[in-house]
C-alpha atoms as a PDB file:
ATOM      1  CA  MET A   1    -121.433-126.692 -50.931  1.00  0.00           C
ATOM      2  CA  ASP A   2    -119.739-130.171 -49.437  1.00  0.00           C
ATOM      3  CA  LEU A   3    -116.198-130.818 -49.831  1.00  0.00           C
ATOM      4  CA  TYR A   4    -115.763-133.644 -51.991  1.00  0.00           C
ATOM      5  CA  GLU A   5    -118.855-132.356 -54.282  1.00  0.00           C
ATOM      6  CA  ALA A   6    -116.734-129.679 -54.663  1.00  0.00           C
ATOM      7  CA  MET A   7    -113.271-131.572 -55.298  1.00  0.00           C
ATOM      8  CA  ARG A   8    -115.336-134.262 -58.183  1.00  0.00           C
ATOM      9  CA  CYS A   9    -116.889-130.912 -59.878  1.00  0.00           C
ATOM     10  CA  ALA A  10    -114.209-128.283 -60.281  1.00  0.00           C
ATOM     11  CA  PRO A  11    -113.659-128.397 -63.545  1.00  0.00           C
ATOM     12  CA  THR A  12    -111.382-126.251 -65.803  1.00  0.00           C
ATOM     13  CA  SER A  13    -113.169-123.531 -66.962  1.00  0.00           C
ATOM     14  CA  ARG A  14    -112.517-122.054 -70.601  1.00  0.00           C
ATOM     15  CA  ARG A  15    -115.184-119.722 -71.569  1.00  0.00           C
ATOM     16  CA  PHE A  16    -116.346-117.207 -68.921  1.00  0.00           C
ATOM     17  CA  LYS A  17    -119.220-114.798 -69.884  1.00  0.00           C
ATOM     18  CA  PRO A  18    -118.302-110.740 -69.355  1.00  0.00           C
ATOM     19  CA  ASP A  19    -119.805-110.448 -66.157  1.00  0.00           C
ATOM     20  CA  PRO A  20    -117.736-108.915 -63.646  1.00  0.00           C
ATOM     21  CA  VAL A  21    -116.399-110.544 -60.460  1.00  0.00           C
ATOM     22  CA  PRO A  22    -118.091-109.712 -57.196  1.00  0.00           C
ATOM     23  CA  THR A  23    -114.774-108.229 -55.065  1.00  0.00           C
ATOM     24  CA  GLU A  24    -116.233-110.043 -52.154  1.00  0.00           C
ATOM     25  CA  ALA A  25    -116.471-113.311 -53.730  1.00  0.00           C
ATOM     26  CA  LEU A  26    -113.053-113.057 -54.340  1.00  0.00           C
ATOM     27  CA  VAL A  27    -111.839-112.266 -50.951  1.00  0.00           C
ATOM     28  CA  ARG A  28    -113.582-114.234 -49.287  1.00  0.00           C
ATOM     29  CA  ALA A  29    -112.183-117.333 -51.775  1.00  0.00           C
ATOM     30  CA  LEU A  30    -108.625-116.164 -50.599  1.00  0.00           C
ATOM     31  CA  ASP A  31    -109.759-116.109 -47.092  1.00  0.00           C
ATOM     32  CA  ASN A  32    -110.227-119.893 -47.149  1.00  0.00           C
ATOM     33  CA  ALA A  33    -107.933-120.574 -49.265  1.00  0.00           C
ATOM     34  CA  ARG A  34    -105.339-119.409 -46.890  1.00  0.00           C
ATOM     35  CA  PHE A  35    -105.521-121.947 -44.615  1.00  0.00           C
ATOM     36  CA  ALA A  36    -103.660-124.403 -47.124  1.00  0.00           C
ATOM     37  CA  PRO A  37    -100.860-126.142 -45.784  1.00  0.00           C
ATOM     38  CA  SER A  38     -96.765-125.097 -46.063  1.00  0.00           C
ATOM     39  CA  GLY A  39     -93.701-125.619 -45.111  1.00  0.00           C
ATOM     40  CA  GLY A  40     -92.918-124.513 -41.495  1.00  0.00           C
ATOM     41  CA  ASN A  41     -96.002-122.450 -42.448  1.00  0.00           C
ATOM     42  CA  ARG A  42     -94.302-120.063 -43.742  1.00  0.00           C
ATOM     43  CA  GLN A  43     -97.346-119.018 -46.113  1.00  0.00           C
ATOM     44  CA  GLY A  44     -95.261-117.914 -49.019  1.00  0.00           C
ATOM     45  CA  TRP A  45     -97.841-117.178 -51.557  1.00  0.00           C
ATOM     46  CA  ARG A  46     -98.502-114.091 -53.018  1.00  0.00           C
ATOM     47  CA  VAL A  47    -101.458-113.188 -55.202  1.00  0.00           C
ATOM     48  CA  VAL A  48    -101.577-110.333 -57.574  1.00  0.00           C
ATOM     49  CA  VAL A  49    -105.734-109.953 -58.783  1.00  0.00           C
ATOM     50  CA  VAL A  50    -105.700-108.099 -62.276  1.00  0.00           C
ATOM     51  CA  ARG A  51    -109.052-106.625 -63.737  1.00  0.00           C
ATOM     52  CA  ASP A  52    -107.877-104.037 -65.677  1.00  0.00           C
ATOM     53  CA  PRO A  53    -108.652-104.643 -69.412  1.00  0.00           C
ATOM     54  CA  LYS A  54    -105.012-103.268 -70.850  1.00  0.00           C
ATOM     55  CA  THR A  55    -103.018-105.436 -68.625  1.00  0.00           C
ATOM     56  CA  ARG A  56    -104.906-108.747 -69.168  1.00  0.00           C
ATOM     57  CA  VAL A  57    -104.123-107.943 -72.953  1.00  0.00           C
ATOM     58  CA  ALA A  58    -100.808-107.382 -72.291  1.00  0.00           C
ATOM     59  CA  LEU A  59    -100.626-110.656 -70.417  1.00  0.00           C
ATOM     60  CA  ARG A  60    -102.394-112.371 -72.968  1.00  0.00           C
ATOM     61  CA  ASP A  61     -99.167-111.323 -75.278  1.00  0.00           C
ATOM     62  CA  LEU A  62     -97.424-112.721 -72.819  1.00  0.00           C
ATOM     63  CA  TYR A  63     -98.948-115.749 -72.014  1.00  0.00           C
ATOM     64  CA  LEU A  64     -98.964-116.848 -76.081  1.00  0.00           C
ATOM     65  CA  PRO A  65     -95.740-117.921 -77.051  1.00  0.00           C
ATOM     66  CA  GLY A  66     -95.474-120.322 -73.945  1.00  0.00           C
ATOM     67  CA  TRP A  67     -98.906-121.946 -75.395  1.00  0.00           C
ATOM     68  CA  ARG A  68     -97.942-121.473 -79.009  1.00  0.00           C
ATOM     69  CA  ALA A  69     -94.551-123.347 -77.729  1.00  0.00           C
ATOM     70  CA  TYR A  70     -96.381-125.825 -75.396  1.00  0.00           C
ATOM     71  CA  MET A  71     -98.823-126.439 -78.509  1.00  0.00           C
ATOM     72  CA  GLU A  72     -96.313-127.284 -80.658  1.00  0.00           C
ATOM     73  CA  ARG A  73     -93.990-129.685 -78.332  1.00  0.00           C
ATOM     74  CA  THR A  74     -97.409-131.350 -77.053  1.00  0.00           C
ATOM     75  CA  GLY A  75     -99.308-132.039 -81.012  1.00  0.00           C
ATOM     76  CA  GLY A  76    -102.054-129.431 -80.553  1.00  0.00           C
ATOM     77  CA  ALA A  77    -101.003-127.572 -83.503  1.00  0.00           C
ATOM     78  CA  ALA A  78    -101.034-130.392 -85.479  1.00  0.00           C
ATOM     79  CA  VAL A  79    -105.101-130.583 -84.348  1.00  0.00           C
ATOM     80  CA  LEU A  80    -105.649-127.518 -85.115  1.00  0.00           C
ATOM     81  CA  ALA A  81    -103.812-127.530 -88.974  1.00  0.00           C
ATOM     82  CA  ASP A  82    -105.686-130.682 -90.053  1.00  0.00           C
ATOM     83  CA  PRO A  83    -108.797-131.079 -86.906  1.00  0.00           C
ATOM     84  CA  GLN A  84    -110.475-133.869 -89.587  1.00  0.00           C
ATOM     85  CA  SER A  85    -106.719-136.212 -89.174  1.00  0.00           C
ATOM     86  CA  PHE A  86    -108.473-136.581 -85.036  1.00  0.00           C
ATOM     87  CA  ASP A  87    -111.493-137.619 -83.045  1.00  0.00           C
ATOM     88  CA  ALA A  88    -114.262-135.103 -82.231  1.00  0.00           C
ATOM     89  CA  ALA A  89    -113.428-135.029 -78.711  1.00  0.00           C
ATOM     90  CA  THR A  90    -109.729-134.568 -79.165  1.00  0.00           C
ATOM     91  CA  VAL A  91    -110.764-131.661 -81.767  1.00  0.00           C
ATOM     92  CA  ARG A  92    -113.288-130.255 -79.420  1.00  0.00           C
ATOM     93  CA  ARG A  93    -110.742-130.253 -76.175  1.00  0.00           C
ATOM     94  CA  VAL A  94    -108.096-128.611 -77.962  1.00  0.00           C
ATOM     95  CA  GLN A  95    -110.008-125.790 -80.265  1.00  0.00           C
ATOM     96  CA  GLY A  96    -111.184-124.883 -76.133  1.00  0.00           C
ATOM     97  CA  ALA A  97    -108.234-124.753 -74.448  1.00  0.00           C
ATOM     98  CA  ASN A  98    -107.018-122.706 -77.888  1.00  0.00           C
ATOM     99  CA  GLU A  99    -109.780-119.775 -77.391  1.00  0.00           C
ATOM    100  CA  TYR A 100    -109.140-119.798 -74.174  1.00  0.00           C
ATOM    101  CA  ALA A 101    -105.485-118.865 -74.710  1.00  0.00           C
ATOM    102  CA  GLU A 102    -105.919-116.414 -78.208  1.00  0.00           C
ATOM    103  CA  ARG A 103    -108.865-114.654 -75.926  1.00  0.00           C
ATOM    104  CA  LEU A 104    -107.277-115.169 -72.245  1.00  0.00           C
ATOM    105  CA  ASP A 105    -107.838-110.950 -72.056  1.00  0.00           C
ATOM    106  CA  GLU A 106    -111.527-111.586 -72.479  1.00  0.00           C
ATOM    107  CA  VAL A 107    -111.496-113.760 -69.166  1.00  0.00           C
ATOM    108  CA  PRO A 108    -112.431-111.044 -66.052  1.00  0.00           C
ATOM    109  CA  VAL A 109    -110.445-111.830 -63.419  1.00  0.00           C
ATOM    110  CA  HIS A 110    -106.611-112.792 -63.687  1.00  0.00           C
ATOM    111  CA  LEU A 111    -104.789-114.328 -60.499  1.00  0.00           C
ATOM    112  CA  VAL A 112    -101.835-114.153 -60.570  1.00  0.00           C
ATOM    113  CA  VAL A 113    -100.114-116.456 -57.793  1.00  0.00           C
ATOM    114  CA  GLY A 114     -96.081-116.059 -56.805  1.00  0.00           C
ATOM    115  CA  VAL A 115     -94.210-117.373 -53.607  1.00  0.00           C
ATOM    116  CA  CYS A 116     -91.792-115.961 -51.877  1.00  0.00           C
ATOM    117  CA  LEU A 117     -88.258-118.431 -52.761  1.00  0.00           C
ATOM    118  CA  GLY A 118     -87.065-117.848 -49.585  1.00  0.00           C
ATOM    119  CA  ASP A 119     -90.344-119.447 -48.255  1.00  0.00           C
ATOM    120  CA  LEU A 120     -89.465-122.636 -49.908  1.00  0.00           C
ATOM    121  CA  ALA A 121     -87.916-126.007 -48.604  1.00  0.00           C
ATOM    122  CA  VAL A 122     -86.637-127.037 -51.528  1.00  0.00           C
ATOM    123  CA  THR A 123     -85.321-130.866 -49.639  1.00  0.00           C
ATOM    124  CA  ASP A 124     -85.154-132.588 -53.071  1.00  0.00           C
ATOM    125  CA  ALA A 125     -82.377-130.063 -54.452  1.00  0.00           C
ATOM    126  CA  GLN A 126     -79.355-132.532 -54.468  1.00  0.00           C
ATOM    127  CA  LEU A 127     -80.890-134.924 -55.761  1.00  0.00           C
ATOM    128  CA  PRO A 128     -80.161-136.655 -59.164  1.00  0.00           C
ATOM    129  CA  ARG A 129     -83.419-135.529 -61.176  1.00  0.00           C
ATOM    130  CA  GLN A 130     -85.753-132.602 -61.448  1.00  0.00           C
ATOM    131  CA  SER A 131     -86.778-130.343 -57.916  1.00  0.00           C
ATOM    132  CA  ILE A 132     -90.295-130.579 -57.522  1.00  0.00           C
ATOM    133  CA  VAL A 133     -90.666-130.450 -53.640  1.00  0.00           C
ATOM    134  CA  GLY A 134     -90.918-126.302 -53.705  1.00  0.00           C
ATOM    135  CA  GLY A 135     -94.173-126.344 -54.784  1.00  0.00           C
ATOM    136  CA  ALA A 136     -95.845-128.397 -51.831  1.00  0.00           C
ATOM    137  CA  SER A 137     -95.602-125.165 -50.614  1.00  0.00           C
ATOM    138  CA  ILE A 138     -97.670-123.137 -53.209  1.00  0.00           C
ATOM    139  CA  TYR A 139     -99.816-125.639 -54.511  1.00  0.00           C
ATOM    140  CA  PRO A 140    -101.646-126.458 -51.736  1.00  0.00           C
ATOM    141  CA  PHE A 141    -103.056-122.835 -51.782  1.00  0.00           C
ATOM    142  CA  VAL A 142    -103.327-123.123 -55.755  1.00  0.00           C
ATOM    143  CA  GLN A 143    -105.814-125.808 -54.927  1.00  0.00           C
ATOM    144  CA  ASN A 144    -107.285-124.483 -51.714  1.00  0.00           C
ATOM    145  CA  LEU A 145    -107.816-121.530 -54.240  1.00  0.00           C
ATOM    146  CA  LEU A 146    -109.752-123.394 -56.802  1.00  0.00           C
ATOM    147  CA  LEU A 147    -112.360-125.289 -54.601  1.00  0.00           C
ATOM    148  CA  ALA A 148    -112.755-122.291 -53.049  1.00  0.00           C
ATOM    149  CA  LEU A 149    -113.933-120.251 -56.309  1.00  0.00           C
ATOM    150  CA  ARG A 150    -115.863-123.271 -57.287  1.00  0.00           C
ATOM    151  CA  GLY A 151    -117.910-122.494 -53.581  1.00  0.00           C
ATOM    152  CA  GLU A 152    -118.385-118.739 -54.980  1.00  0.00           C
ATOM    153  CA  GLY A 153    -120.080-120.179 -58.007  1.00  0.00           C
ATOM    154  CA  LEU A 154    -116.954-119.100 -60.557  1.00  0.00           C
ATOM    155  CA  GLY A 155    -115.219-120.772 -63.120  1.00  0.00           C
ATOM    156  CA  ALA A 156    -111.579-121.282 -63.182  1.00  0.00           C
ATOM    157  CA  ALA A 157    -107.962-122.246 -65.626  1.00  0.00           C
ATOM    158  CA  MET A 158    -105.268-123.130 -63.734  1.00  0.00           C
ATOM    159  CA  THR A 159    -102.292-123.358 -65.968  1.00  0.00           C
ATOM    160  CA  THR A 160     -98.586-122.235 -65.134  1.00  0.00           C
ATOM    161  CA  LEU A 161     -97.580-120.984 -68.940  1.00  0.00           C
ATOM    162  CA  LEU A 162     -97.481-117.722 -68.263  1.00  0.00           C
ATOM    163  CA  VAL A 163     -94.244-118.546 -65.710  1.00  0.00           C
ATOM    164  CA  PRO A 164     -91.816-118.678 -68.895  1.00  0.00           C
ATOM    165  CA  ALA A 165     -92.206-114.568 -69.224  1.00  0.00           C
ATOM    166  CA  GLU A 166     -91.608-114.641 -65.424  1.00  0.00           C
ATOM    167  CA  ALA A 167     -89.187-111.728 -65.995  1.00  0.00           C
ATOM    168  CA  GLU A 168     -91.666-109.605 -68.364  1.00  0.00           C
ATOM    169  CA  VAL A 169     -94.880-110.318 -65.731  1.00  0.00           C
ATOM    170  CA  LYS A 170     -92.535-109.341 -62.744  1.00  0.00           C
ATOM    171  CA  ARG A 171     -92.030-105.843 -64.620  1.00  0.00           C
ATOM    172  CA  LEU A 172     -95.373-106.107 -65.660  1.00  0.00           C
ATOM    173  CA  LEU A 173     -97.000-106.537 -62.044  1.00  0.00           C
ATOM    174  CA  GLU A 174     -94.106-104.692 -59.985  1.00  0.00           C
ATOM    175  CA  ILE A 175     -93.314-108.216 -57.949  1.00  0.00           C
ATOM    176  CA  PRO A 176     -90.474-108.573 -56.164  1.00  0.00           C
ATOM    177  CA  GLU A 177     -87.526-110.419 -58.019  1.00  0.00           C
ATOM    178  CA  ASP A 178     -87.553-112.430 -54.249  1.00  0.00           C
ATOM    179  CA  VAL A 179     -91.093-113.739 -55.846  1.00  0.00           C
ATOM    180  CA  ALA A 180     -91.638-116.130 -57.787  1.00  0.00           C
ATOM    181  CA  LEU A 181     -94.589-117.304 -60.405  1.00  0.00           C
ATOM    182  CA  ALA A 182     -95.884-120.559 -59.401  1.00  0.00           C
ATOM    183  CA  ALA A 183     -99.345-119.960 -61.368  1.00  0.00           C
ATOM    184  CA  HIS A 184    -101.849-118.318 -63.942  1.00  0.00           C
ATOM    185  CA  ILE A 185    -105.758-118.148 -62.790  1.00  0.00           C
ATOM    186  CA  GLY A 186    -108.748-117.168 -65.120  1.00  0.00           C
ATOM    187  CA  VAL A 187    -112.018-116.600 -63.038  1.00  0.00           C
ATOM    188  CA  GLY A 188    -115.542-115.435 -64.107  1.00  0.00           C
ATOM    189  CA  TYR A 189    -118.785-117.592 -64.939  1.00  0.00           C
ATOM    190  CA  ARG A 190    -119.140-120.182 -67.184  1.00  0.00           C
ATOM    191  CA  VAL A 191    -120.549-120.195 -70.114  1.00  0.00           C
ATOM    192  CA  ASP A 192    -121.272-123.991 -69.780  1.00  0.00           C
ATOM    193  CA  PRO A 193    -123.433-125.341 -67.806  1.00  0.00           C
ATOM    194  CA  TRP A 194    -121.845-127.325 -64.332  1.00  0.00           C
ATOM    195  CA  PRO A 195    -120.577-131.209 -64.713  1.00  0.00           C
ATOM    196  CA  GLY A 196    -122.258-133.553 -62.399  1.00  0.00           C
ATOM    197  CA  GLN A 197    -118.922-135.371 -62.266  1.00  0.00           C
ATOM    198  CA  LEU A 198    -115.505-135.211 -63.623  1.00  0.00           C
ATOM    199  CA  SER A 199    -113.844-138.232 -65.510  1.00  0.00           C
ATOM    200  CA  ARG A 200    -110.781-139.838 -63.672  1.00  0.00           C
ATOM    201  CA  ARG A 201    -108.515-143.139 -63.692  1.00  0.00           C
ATOM    202  CA  PRO A 202    -109.996-145.210 -60.797  1.00  0.00           C
ATOM    203  CA  VAL A 203    -108.664-145.564 -57.167  1.00  0.00           C
ATOM    204  CA  VAL A 204    -106.721-149.020 -58.294  1.00  0.00           C
ATOM    205  CA  GLY A 205    -105.251-147.591 -61.257  1.00  0.00           C
ATOM    206  CA  PHE A 206    -102.722-145.535 -58.907  1.00  0.00           C
ATOM    207  CA  ALA A 207    -102.925-145.821 -54.980  1.00  0.00           C
ATOM    208  CA  PHE A 208    -101.124-149.447 -53.459  1.00  0.00           C
ATOM    209  CA  SER A 209    -100.564-151.580 -50.965  1.00  0.00           C
ATOM    210  CA  GLU A 210     -96.839-151.838 -49.003  1.00  0.00           C
ATOM    211  CA  ARG A 211     -94.596-151.742 -52.343  1.00  0.00           C
ATOM    212  CA  TYR A 212     -95.438-150.284 -55.759  1.00  0.00           C
ATOM    213  CA  GLY A 213     -97.896-152.281 -58.044  1.00  0.00           C
ATOM    214  CA  GLU A 214     -99.146-154.167 -55.011  1.00  0.00           C
ATOM    215  CA  PRO A 215    -103.578-154.038 -55.266  1.00  0.00           C
ATOM    216  CA  LEU A 216    -104.835-152.142 -52.382  1.00  0.00           C
ATOM    217  CA  GLY A 217    -108.116-153.404 -51.320  1.00  0.00           C
END
């Protein structure tokens, strides 16, 4: 698959077939994702591949409190409670996302992605705002992994809603204390057909020339 094609048609997948995912496909995806950039080339990513049904149930149970809190915070709970008050597209989107969360244990493969804290260069730690720079050493790897999975014909859904349960997840998966939870990726073969191209804002809406707000080109 062409790189640009993969970038344009790698959607979040929330409905999966029960078919098992070959280990060879996961290894190929991870083998290619590891070429992502990271601060100082420290390559601090760590991935636990979960396929055991009981562990998947445990991860679902840890995921759901964070998911339900997110739904309350973003208004998704109101959509579920009174779908007639919202447009059909919004209802479909929220219901699909909620079904994914509630049935997370049915997703064939869970990739729990962590990062070694000692490998992060958090250059914005002293700024008077929320720190974001530390993610630069893990999320390029996560995006590489999502694209690699797409290249293997596998759907994926990446979220960070398992992170609030980090302590419990670490105990469950025996993750060392110096590894922080960064993402959860559900993986499997999609039920729905692949889209030809995703819907996104045009370049003129976010890229500027020389000064913020100045048109590019």
